[in-house]
Amino acid sequence: MMTVLEKPSVTKASHTESGAPRLVRRVLIYSHDTFGLGHLRRSRAIANALVGCSRDLQILIVSGSPVVDSFAFLPGVSYVRLPGVTKRTDGGYASLDPATPLDRTVAERTAMILRTAEAFDPDLAIIDKEPTGFHGEMLPSLRRLAARGCRLILGLRDILDDPALLVPEWERKGGAEAVRTFYDEVWVYGIARIHEPAAALGLGPEIEARLHYTGYLRREAARAAPVRHDPDLTRAPFILVTPGGGGDGAGLIDWVISAYEADPGIALPALIAFGPFLDPRIRHDFEARIARTGRLAAITFDSEIEVLMLKAAGIVAMGGYNTFCEILSFDLRSILVPRTEPRREQLIRARAAEALGLAQVLLEEDGRDPLQMAAALRALPTQAPPSRVVVPGLLDGLAVIRARVLGQAAPVAALRRAGSRS
């Protein structure tokens, strides 16, 4: 079990002497990004939303994503890229550079984060998902920032994992101890009606009082680059297929291709966005099959995938957090094919969404029958969109975050404490 060690030696000063919240000028966002695109895309959405309504704000994202420089950020947002790490197939981690031992990479990342935090001197820091950072790399910076009076926020996605897996993980990493020691607030980027990620952790009333459900993070349509070369297929109605980063999406892609191979009568063609982390050998095999169908096209990666989502008649996705936010924001008819290993987060989200009538769910573990997927693809264009279901506060997330950071007015339904189900 990881130990947080000593508490900060200086009393935090997140408020002025008059009791008003400390003025926020600089925000640090930590996004460890060991696998996929989810953490970076969530951090980017928050950063762009904040600077979009405050010219005086400076935001610095500290990210381990190897593709962070592929994304556009609004003026006022900058980033520091950490040495990369990746998740192995056995669930463990390794340095992105195979010649560098993992402990050396973690040490380099830890030192870089601390130097960055000291130089930037933020008024507020948002730590994404991991209370102590990857392998505890945030602990030195948390101590230093707390001692300087920086307001510390732990941001959690709506669902972390199945409680049977989450509880021992938090115990091993010292997550609850870190929250008690360092964090002023915990923001859950979702609604309790779908899931209560901290319910199984037994954090106690002191931490429960710091817990806020913000609602999901509404996404805005990206302004397309002046020159885009979308496949010809997108000029007419089509289905978008996206496994996010693609590192664990081969099963989903194979299932969709198999459906078109088995049923040439599927009404709409599909565009498959492989994702930047799909194994190149697997991608090559998929490309050969796609070329033979005549109903499919493929791209590797699009940092403006929102442009394609707005054009699509429906979407097939794994059900990661960011894609789910986009499905809700753009009112997309969807088929969710959640992964179930090594985390069950997507499965929990997909089942909750289906129960509310927000999406349709297919499970790979049921056998990946091509005709089952083909039937779902045929029905997708006439499926009810998410907007048919009214869920209070569902997409209030960015408005609530702006309110908590900048003191702006928040939606009435948004500032719910932990456990609220209204």
Protein backbone atom coordinates (compact mmCIF):
# COMPACT_ATOMS: atom_id res chain seq x y z
CA MET A 1 0.00 0.00 0.00
CA MET A 2 1.30 3.44 -0.93
CA THR A 3 1.72 5.85 1.98
CA VAL A 4 1.12 9.57 1.58
CA LEU A 5 3.62 10.36 4.36
CA GLU A 6 3.45 13.72 6.09
CA LYS A 7 0.73 16.30 5.70
CA PRO A 8 1.55 19.78 4.40
CA SER A 9 3.39 21.83 7.00
CA VAL A 10 1.67 25.11 6.09
CA THR A 11 -2.03 25.84 6.50
CA LYS A 12 -3.69 26.16 3.11
CA ALA A 13 -5.05 29.57 2.09
CA SER A 14 -7.63 28.90 -0.59
CA HIS A 15 -9.67 31.87 0.64
CA THR A 16 -8.76 35.47 1.32
CA GLU A 17 -8.93 37.04 4.80
CA SER A 18 -12.42 38.33 3.98
CA GLY A 19 -13.63 34.79 3.38
CA ALA A 20 -14.06 35.21 -0.38
CA PRO A 21 -12.61 32.50 -2.66
CA ARG A 22 -9.04 33.17 -3.70
CA LEU A 23 -8.87 34.79 -7.15
CA VAL A 24 -7.89 32.21 -9.75
CA ARG A 25 -5.44 33.38 -12.41
CA ARG A 26 -3.44 30.22 -13.10
CA VAL A 27 -4.78 26.66 -13.29
CA LEU A 28 -2.61 23.55 -13.51
CA ILE A 29 -4.24 20.39 -14.90
CA TYR A 30 -2.50 17.05 -14.42
CA SER A 31 -3.40 14.32 -16.92
CA HIS A 32 -1.24 11.22 -16.53
CA ASP A 33 -2.23 9.64 -19.89
CA THR A 34 -0.71 6.20 -19.80
CA PHE A 35 -3.11 4.70 -22.34
CA GLY A 36 -5.60 6.05 -24.85
CA LEU A 37 -6.91 9.58 -25.26
CA GLY A 38 -9.56 9.86 -22.55
CA HIS A 39 -7.71 11.81 -19.86
CA LEU A 40 -6.20 14.31 -22.29
CA ARG A 41 -9.47 14.96 -24.12
CA ARG A 42 -11.31 15.54 -20.82
CA SER A 43 -8.58 17.91 -19.61
CA ARG A 44 -8.62 19.76 -22.92
CA ALA A 45 -12.39 20.24 -22.76
CA ILE A 46 -12.16 21.72 -19.27
CA ALA A 47 -9.21 23.97 -20.15
CA ASN A 48 -10.81 25.34 -23.32
CA ALA A 49 -14.11 25.95 -21.51
CA LEU A 50 -12.38 27.97 -18.77
CA VAL A 51 -10.22 30.20 -20.97
CA GLY A 52 -13.15 30.64 -23.34
CA CYS A 53 -14.89 32.80 -20.75
CA SER A 54 -11.90 34.43 -19.01
CA ARG A 55 -9.16 36.18 -20.95
CA ASP A 56 -7.08 36.63 -17.79
CA LEU A 57 -6.83 32.91 -17.10
CA GLN A 58 -3.70 30.88 -17.86
CA ILE A 59 -3.96 27.10 -17.94
CA LEU A 60 -1.11 24.63 -18.12
CA ILE A 61 -1.80 20.95 -18.86
CA VAL A 62 0.83 18.47 -17.74
CA SER A 63 0.27 15.36 -19.86
CA GLY A 64 1.94 12.07 -20.63
CA SER A 65 0.12 11.66 -23.95
CA PRO A 66 2.39 11.07 -26.95
CA VAL A 67 -0.16 12.81 -29.21
CA VAL A 68 -0.83 15.93 -27.13
CA ASP A 69 0.74 18.10 -29.83
CA SER A 70 -1.87 16.87 -32.34
CA PHE A 71 -4.66 18.74 -30.55
CA ALA A 72 -5.60 22.39 -30.85
CA PHE A 73 -5.96 24.46 -27.67
CA LEU A 74 -7.47 27.89 -27.24
CA PRO A 75 -5.20 30.87 -26.50
CA GLY A 76 -4.32 30.80 -22.83
CA VAL A 77 -3.83 27.02 -22.72
CA SER A 78 -0.38 25.50 -22.97
CA TYR A 79 1.02 22.09 -22.13
CA VAL A 80 4.08 20.26 -20.91
CA ARG A 81 4.60 16.74 -22.21
CA LEU A 82 5.94 14.15 -19.79
CA PRO A 83 8.04 11.12 -20.80
CA GLY A 84 5.58 8.51 -21.98
CA VAL A 85 4.49 5.25 -20.40
CA THR A 86 2.22 2.58 -21.85
CA LYS A 87 0.03 -0.21 -20.53
CA ARG A 88 1.10 -3.77 -21.32
CA THR A 89 -1.34 -6.50 -22.29
CA ASP A 90 -1.00 -8.03 -18.80
CA GLY A 91 -2.24 -4.78 -17.21
CA GLY A 92 1.21 -3.64 -16.07
CA TYR A 93 3.09 -0.60 -17.34
CA ALA A 94 6.34 0.08 -19.17
CA SER A 95 8.21 3.13 -20.44
CA LEU A 96 7.23 4.16 -23.94
CA ASP A 97 10.96 4.04 -24.66
CA PRO A 98 11.71 0.30 -24.21
CA ALA A 99 15.34 1.06 -23.36
CA THR A 100 14.38 3.04 -20.25
CA PRO A 101 13.38 1.25 -17.02
CA LEU A 102 9.97 2.27 -15.72
CA ASP A 103 11.28 3.49 -12.35
CA ARG A 104 13.66 5.89 -14.13
CA THR A 105 10.82 7.25 -16.27
CA VAL A 106 8.64 7.74 -13.18
CA ALA A 107 11.50 9.58 -11.44
CA GLU A 108 11.95 11.87 -14.46
CA ARG A 109 8.23 12.55 -14.63
CA THR A 110 8.03 13.25 -10.90
CA ALA A 111 10.87 15.78 -11.07
CA MET A 112 9.45 17.44 -14.18
CA ILE A 113 5.99 17.82 -12.62
CA LEU A 114 7.49 19.36 -9.47
CA ARG A 115 9.63 21.84 -11.43
CA THR A 116 6.63 22.79 -13.54
CA ALA A 117 4.35 23.26 -10.52
CA GLU A 118 6.92 25.44 -8.74
CA ALA A 119 7.57 27.60 -11.79
CA PHE A 120 3.91 28.00 -12.79
CA ASP A 121 2.74 28.55 -9.19
CA PRO A 122 -0.98 27.86 -9.83
CA ASP A 123 -3.86 29.17 -7.77
CA LEU A 124 -5.82 26.00 -8.48
CA ALA A 125 -4.78 22.53 -9.61
CA ILE A 126 -7.06 19.85 -11.06
CA ILE A 127 -5.72 16.31 -10.82
CA ASP A 128 -7.43 13.92 -13.21
CA LYS A 129 -8.55 10.55 -11.75
CA GLU A 130 -5.39 9.46 -9.89
CA PRO A 131 -5.24 11.06 -6.39
CA THR A 132 -1.47 10.46 -6.08
CA GLY A 133 -0.67 10.46 -9.80
CA PHE A 134 0.82 7.62 -11.81
CA HIS A 135 2.92 5.52 -9.41
CA GLY A 136 2.70 8.33 -6.85
CA GLU A 137 4.42 10.86 -9.09
CA MET A 138 2.16 13.74 -7.95
CA LEU A 139 2.90 13.43 -4.22
CA PRO A 140 5.89 15.83 -4.07
CA SER A 141 3.96 18.41 -6.08
CA LEU A 142 0.81 17.99 -3.99
CA ARG A 143 2.79 18.70 -0.82
CA ARG A 144 4.43 21.77 -2.35
CA LEU A 145 1.22 23.15 -3.84
CA ALA A 146 -0.76 22.59 -0.64
CA ALA A 147 1.92 24.37 1.36
CA ARG A 148 1.68 27.34 -1.02
CA GLY A 149 -2.08 27.59 -0.55
CA CYS A 150 -3.05 26.25 -3.96
CA ARG A 151 -6.63 24.98 -4.08
CA LEU A 152 -6.48 21.28 -5.00
CA ILE A 153 -9.25 19.48 -6.89
CA LEU A 154 -9.52 15.77 -7.67
CA GLY A 155 -11.53 15.29 -10.86
CA LEU A 156 -13.13 11.87 -11.34
CA ARG A 157 -14.94 10.56 -14.36
CA ASP A 158 -18.46 9.28 -13.74
CA ILE A 159 -17.36 5.65 -13.32
CA LEU A 160 -13.97 4.45 -12.13
CA ASP A 161 -14.38 0.67 -12.10
CA ASP A 162 -16.31 -2.21 -10.63
CA PRO A 163 -16.23 -1.80 -6.81
CA ALA A 164 -14.58 -5.22 -6.39
CA LEU A 165 -11.61 -3.93 -8.39
CA LEU A 166 -11.72 -0.27 -7.37
CA VAL A 167 -11.54 -0.70 -3.59
CA PRO A 168 -8.29 -2.72 -3.47
CA GLU A 169 -6.76 -0.43 -6.09
CA TRP A 170 -7.44 2.68 -4.00
CA GLU A 171 -6.12 0.94 -0.88
CA ARG A 172 -2.94 -0.06 -2.69
CA LYS A 173 -2.38 3.45 -4.05
CA GLY A 174 -3.35 5.31 -0.89
CA GLY A 175 -6.15 7.12 -2.70
CA ALA A 176 -8.43 7.82 0.28
CA GLU A 177 -5.52 9.01 2.42
CA ALA A 178 -4.43 11.39 -0.35
CA VAL A 179 -7.94 12.84 -0.64
CA ARG A 180 -8.14 13.44 3.12
CA THR A 181 -4.68 14.99 3.23
CA PHE A 182 -4.61 17.21 0.18
CA TYR A 183 -7.84 17.80 -1.68
CA ASP A 184 -10.25 20.67 -1.06
CA GLU A 185 -12.92 19.25 -3.35
CA VAL A 186 -13.68 16.15 -5.42
CA TRP A 187 -15.56 16.73 -8.66
CA VAL A 188 -17.39 13.84 -10.31
CA TYR A 189 -17.91 14.55 -14.01
CA GLY A 190 -21.30 12.85 -14.17
CA ILE A 191 -24.58 12.43 -12.31
CA ALA A 192 -25.42 10.19 -9.37
CA ARG A 193 -28.45 8.84 -11.24
CA ILE A 194 -26.07 7.01 -13.58
CA HIS A 195 -23.37 6.08 -11.06
CA GLU A 196 -21.82 7.03 -7.71
CA PRO A 197 -18.12 6.23 -8.14
CA ALA A 198 -17.13 6.92 -4.53
CA ALA A 199 -19.99 5.02 -2.89
CA ALA A 200 -18.02 1.78 -2.48
CA LEU A 201 -14.91 3.49 -1.08
CA GLY A 202 -16.32 4.34 2.36
CA LEU A 203 -14.60 7.72 2.41
CA GLY A 204 -16.59 9.03 5.35
CA PRO A 205 -18.68 12.19 5.88
CA GLU A 206 -15.69 14.56 5.85
CA ILE A 207 -14.82 13.65 2.26
CA GLU A 208 -18.45 13.21 1.23
CA ALA A 209 -18.93 16.89 2.10
CA ARG A 210 -16.25 17.80 -0.47
CA LEU A 211 -17.86 15.74 -3.23
CA HIS A 212 -19.74 17.47 -6.08
CA TYR A 213 -21.48 15.93 -9.07
CA THR A 214 -21.02 18.36 -11.94
CA GLY A 215 -22.90 16.59 -14.72
CA TYR A 216 -21.26 15.42 -17.94
CA LEU A 217 -18.97 17.73 -19.91
CA ARG A 218 -20.90 19.20 -22.84
CA ARG A 219 -18.87 19.27 -26.03
CA GLU A 220 -19.08 21.96 -28.66
CA ALA A 221 -18.59 21.38 -32.34
CA ALA A 222 -14.96 21.89 -33.27
CA ARG A 223 -14.29 24.55 -35.89
CA ALA A 224 -13.00 22.54 -38.81
CA ALA A 225 -9.57 23.33 -40.19
CA PRO A 226 -9.62 25.40 -43.39
CA VAL A 227 -8.50 22.34 -45.33
CA ARG A 228 -9.99 18.94 -44.51
CA HIS A 229 -9.85 15.84 -46.69
CA ASP A 230 -12.68 13.67 -45.42
CA PRO A 231 -13.42 10.44 -47.35
CA ASP A 232 -15.96 10.76 -50.16
CA LEU A 233 -18.25 8.42 -48.21
CA THR A 234 -19.00 11.26 -45.73
CA ARG A 235 -20.75 13.39 -48.38
CA ALA A 236 -23.92 11.32 -47.84
CA PRO A 237 -25.41 9.78 -44.67
CA PHE A 238 -22.99 7.38 -43.01
CA ILE A 239 -22.24 5.63 -39.71
CA LEU A 240 -19.11 6.58 -37.77
CA VAL A 241 -17.22 3.79 -36.02
CA THR A 242 -14.69 4.86 -33.41
CA PRO A 243 -12.86 2.87 -30.72
CA GLY A 244 -11.28 6.03 -29.29
CA GLY A 245 -7.50 5.66 -29.10
CA GLY A 246 -7.79 2.25 -30.72
CA GLY A 247 -5.35 0.41 -28.48
CA ASP A 248 -8.05 -1.98 -27.30
CA GLY A 249 -10.60 -1.52 -30.08
CA ALA A 250 -9.67 -4.28 -32.54
CA GLY A 251 -12.62 -6.45 -31.49
CA LEU A 252 -15.14 -3.68 -32.16
CA ILE A 253 -13.66 -2.91 -35.58
CA ASP A 254 -13.55 -6.57 -36.56
CA TRP A 255 -17.20 -7.01 -35.55
CA VAL A 256 -18.36 -4.08 -37.70
CA ILE A 257 -16.35 -5.20 -40.74
CA SER A 258 -17.70 -8.73 -40.32
CA ALA A 259 -21.26 -7.34 -40.28
CA TYR A 260 -20.76 -5.62 -43.63
CA GLU A 261 -19.11 -8.75 -45.04
CA ALA A 262 -22.07 -10.87 -43.90
CA ASP A 263 -24.86 -8.45 -44.89
CA PRO A 264 -24.24 -6.33 -48.01
CA GLY A 265 -27.73 -4.85 -47.60
CA ILE A 266 -26.93 -2.62 -44.61
CA ALA A 267 -28.45 0.68 -45.69
CA LEU A 268 -25.72 3.12 -44.69
CA PRO A 269 -21.97 2.83 -45.31
CA ALA A 270 -19.55 3.31 -42.42
CA LEU A 271 -16.37 5.27 -41.79
CA ILE A 272 -13.99 3.59 -39.33
CA ALA A 273 -11.58 5.78 -37.36
CA PHE A 274 -8.94 3.30 -36.20
CA GLY A 275 -7.35 5.47 -33.52
CA PRO A 276 -3.63 6.26 -33.22
CA PHE A 277 -2.83 3.32 -30.94
CA LEU A 278 -4.20 0.44 -33.01
CA ASP A 279 -1.48 -2.13 -33.78
CA PRO A 280 -0.20 -1.34 -37.33
CA ARG A 281 -0.25 -5.01 -38.34
CA ILE A 282 -3.89 -5.36 -37.33
CA ARG A 283 -4.72 -2.09 -39.07
CA HIS A 284 -3.14 -3.38 -42.30
CA ASP A 285 -5.34 -6.51 -42.24
CA PHE A 286 -8.43 -4.39 -41.57
CA GLU A 287 -7.61 -2.06 -44.45
CA ALA A 288 -7.46 -5.01 -46.86
CA ARG A 289 -10.88 -6.27 -45.74
CA ILE A 290 -12.37 -2.77 -45.88
CA ALA A 291 -11.18 -2.33 -49.46
CA ARG A 292 -12.98 -5.54 -50.49
CA THR A 293 -16.37 -4.57 -49.02
CA GLY A 294 -16.99 -1.42 -51.07
CA ARG A 295 -19.20 -0.10 -48.23
CA LEU A 296 -16.52 1.01 -45.79
CA ALA A 297 -13.76 3.61 -45.56
CA ALA A 298 -11.14 4.19 -42.89
CA ILE A 299 -8.94 6.87 -41.39
CA THR A 300 -6.25 6.46 -38.77
CA PHE A 301 -6.84 9.48 -36.53
CA ASP A 302 -8.71 12.78 -36.57
CA SER A 303 -8.10 15.33 -33.81
CA GLU A 304 -11.29 17.07 -34.98
CA ILE A 305 -13.45 13.96 -34.84
CA GLU A 306 -16.36 16.11 -33.59
CA VAL A 307 -16.67 17.35 -37.19
CA LEU A 308 -17.34 13.79 -38.34
CA MET A 309 -19.71 13.13 -35.45
CA LEU A 310 -21.87 16.09 -36.45
CA LYS A 311 -22.12 14.73 -39.99
CA ALA A 312 -22.82 11.12 -39.01
CA ALA A 313 -26.27 9.52 -38.94
CA GLY A 314 -25.18 7.40 -35.98
CA ILE A 315 -22.13 6.09 -34.16
CA VAL A 316 -20.70 2.75 -33.05
CA ALA A 317 -18.28 3.18 -30.15
CA MET A 318 -16.85 1.47 -27.11
CA GLY A 319 -18.48 3.83 -24.64
CA GLY A 320 -15.51 5.59 -23.11
CA TYR A 321 -16.20 8.73 -21.09
CA ASN A 322 -15.42 11.34 -23.75
CA THR A 323 -17.28 9.56 -26.53
CA PHE A 324 -20.31 9.25 -24.25
CA CYS A 325 -20.19 13.01 -23.60
CA GLU A 326 -20.10 13.61 -27.36
CA ILE A 327 -22.99 11.21 -27.98
CA LEU A 328 -25.09 13.20 -25.50
CA SER A 329 -23.88 16.62 -26.68
CA PHE A 330 -24.47 15.96 -30.39
CA ASP A 331 -27.63 13.88 -29.80
CA LEU A 332 -26.19 10.88 -31.63
CA ARG A 333 -27.97 7.59 -32.10
CA SER A 334 -25.45 5.06 -30.84
CA ILE A 335 -24.47 1.44 -30.49
CA LEU A 336 -22.10 0.94 -27.56
CA VAL A 337 -19.75 -2.06 -27.49
CA PRO A 338 -17.99 -1.62 -24.14
CA ARG A 339 -14.74 -3.28 -23.19
CA THR A 340 -14.89 -5.41 -20.05
CA GLU A 341 -11.16 -5.90 -19.37
CA PRO A 342 -9.04 -4.83 -17.58
CA ARG A 343 -11.65 -2.36 -16.27
CA ARG A 344 -15.44 -2.69 -16.30
CA GLU A 345 -16.02 1.08 -16.37
CA GLN A 346 -17.35 1.13 -19.96
CA LEU A 347 -19.68 -1.79 -19.28
CA ILE A 348 -21.20 -0.09 -16.23
CA ARG A 349 -21.68 3.17 -18.17
CA ALA A 350 -23.15 1.44 -21.22
CA ARG A 351 -25.67 -0.56 -19.19
CA ALA A 352 -26.76 2.53 -17.25
CA ALA A 353 -27.15 4.47 -20.51
CA GLU A 354 -29.21 1.68 -22.06
CA ALA A 355 -31.43 1.46 -18.97
CA LEU A 356 -32.20 5.19 -19.34
CA GLY A 357 -32.88 4.84 -23.07
CA LEU A 358 -29.79 6.83 -24.13
CA ALA A 359 -28.06 4.12 -26.21
CA GLN A 360 -28.18 0.54 -27.49
CA VAL A 361 -25.60 -1.95 -26.16
CA LEU A 362 -23.98 -5.01 -27.73
CA LEU A 363 -21.47 -7.15 -25.86
CA GLU A 364 -18.51 -8.90 -27.47
CA GLU A 365 -18.70 -11.62 -24.82
CA ASP A 366 -22.02 -12.72 -26.34
CA GLY A 367 -20.15 -14.11 -29.34
CA ARG A 368 -19.68 -11.26 -31.83
CA ASP A 369 -22.27 -12.58 -34.25
CA PRO A 370 -21.91 -10.58 -37.51
CA LEU A 371 -25.65 -10.75 -38.17
CA GLN A 372 -26.43 -9.36 -34.70
CA MET A 373 -24.25 -6.33 -35.44
CA ALA A 374 -25.74 -6.06 -38.93
CA ALA A 375 -29.26 -5.92 -37.49
CA ALA A 376 -28.21 -3.18 -35.06
CA LEU A 377 -26.60 -1.19 -37.89
CA ARG A 378 -29.75 -1.51 -39.99
CA ALA A 379 -31.88 -0.19 -37.11
CA LEU A 380 -29.50 2.58 -36.03
CA PRO A 381 -30.82 5.39 -38.31
CA THR A 382 -34.33 5.07 -36.83
CA GLN A 383 -33.26 4.56 -33.22
CA ALA A 384 -34.49 7.16 -30.72
CA PRO A 385 -31.85 9.86 -30.06
CA PRO A 386 -30.69 10.65 -26.50
CA SER A 387 -32.70 13.89 -26.47
CA ARG A 388 -35.89 11.84 -26.19
CA VAL A 389 -34.92 11.24 -22.55
CA VAL A 390 -34.97 14.18 -20.12
CA VAL A 391 -32.38 13.85 -17.34
CA PRO A 392 -31.95 17.00 -15.16
CA GLY A 393 -28.37 18.30 -14.99
CA LEU A 394 -27.11 15.72 -17.48
CA LEU A 395 -24.79 18.04 -19.43
CA ASP A 396 -24.16 20.80 -16.88
CA GLY A 397 -20.54 19.81 -16.20
CA LEU A 398 -18.61 22.66 -17.81
CA ALA A 399 -21.02 25.31 -16.52
CA VAL A 400 -20.60 23.98 -12.98
CA ILE A 401 -16.81 23.86 -13.30
CA ARG A 402 -16.74 27.46 -14.56
CA ALA A 403 -18.88 28.44 -11.59
CA ARG A 404 -16.61 26.73 -9.07
CA VAL A 405 -13.42 28.11 -10.61
CA LEU A 406 -14.47 31.59 -11.70
CA GLY A 407 -17.47 32.33 -9.50
CA GLN A 408 -19.93 32.45 -12.39
CA ALA A 409 -23.57 31.52 -12.01
CA ALA A 410 -24.20 27.79 -12.25
CA PRO A 411 -27.33 25.91 -13.32
CA VAL A 412 -29.80 25.58 -10.44
CA ALA A 413 -29.83 21.79 -10.64
CA ALA A 414 -26.09 21.42 -10.91
CA LEU A 415 -24.47 21.90 -7.52
CA ARG A 416 -25.71 18.67 -6.01
CA ARG A 417 -23.80 17.02 -3.22
CA ALA A 418 -22.86 13.36 -3.17
CA GLY A 419 -25.75 10.91 -3.14
CA SER A 420 -28.36 13.17 -4.72
CA ARG A 421 -30.57 11.28 -7.17
CA SER A 422 -33.14 13.92 -8.05
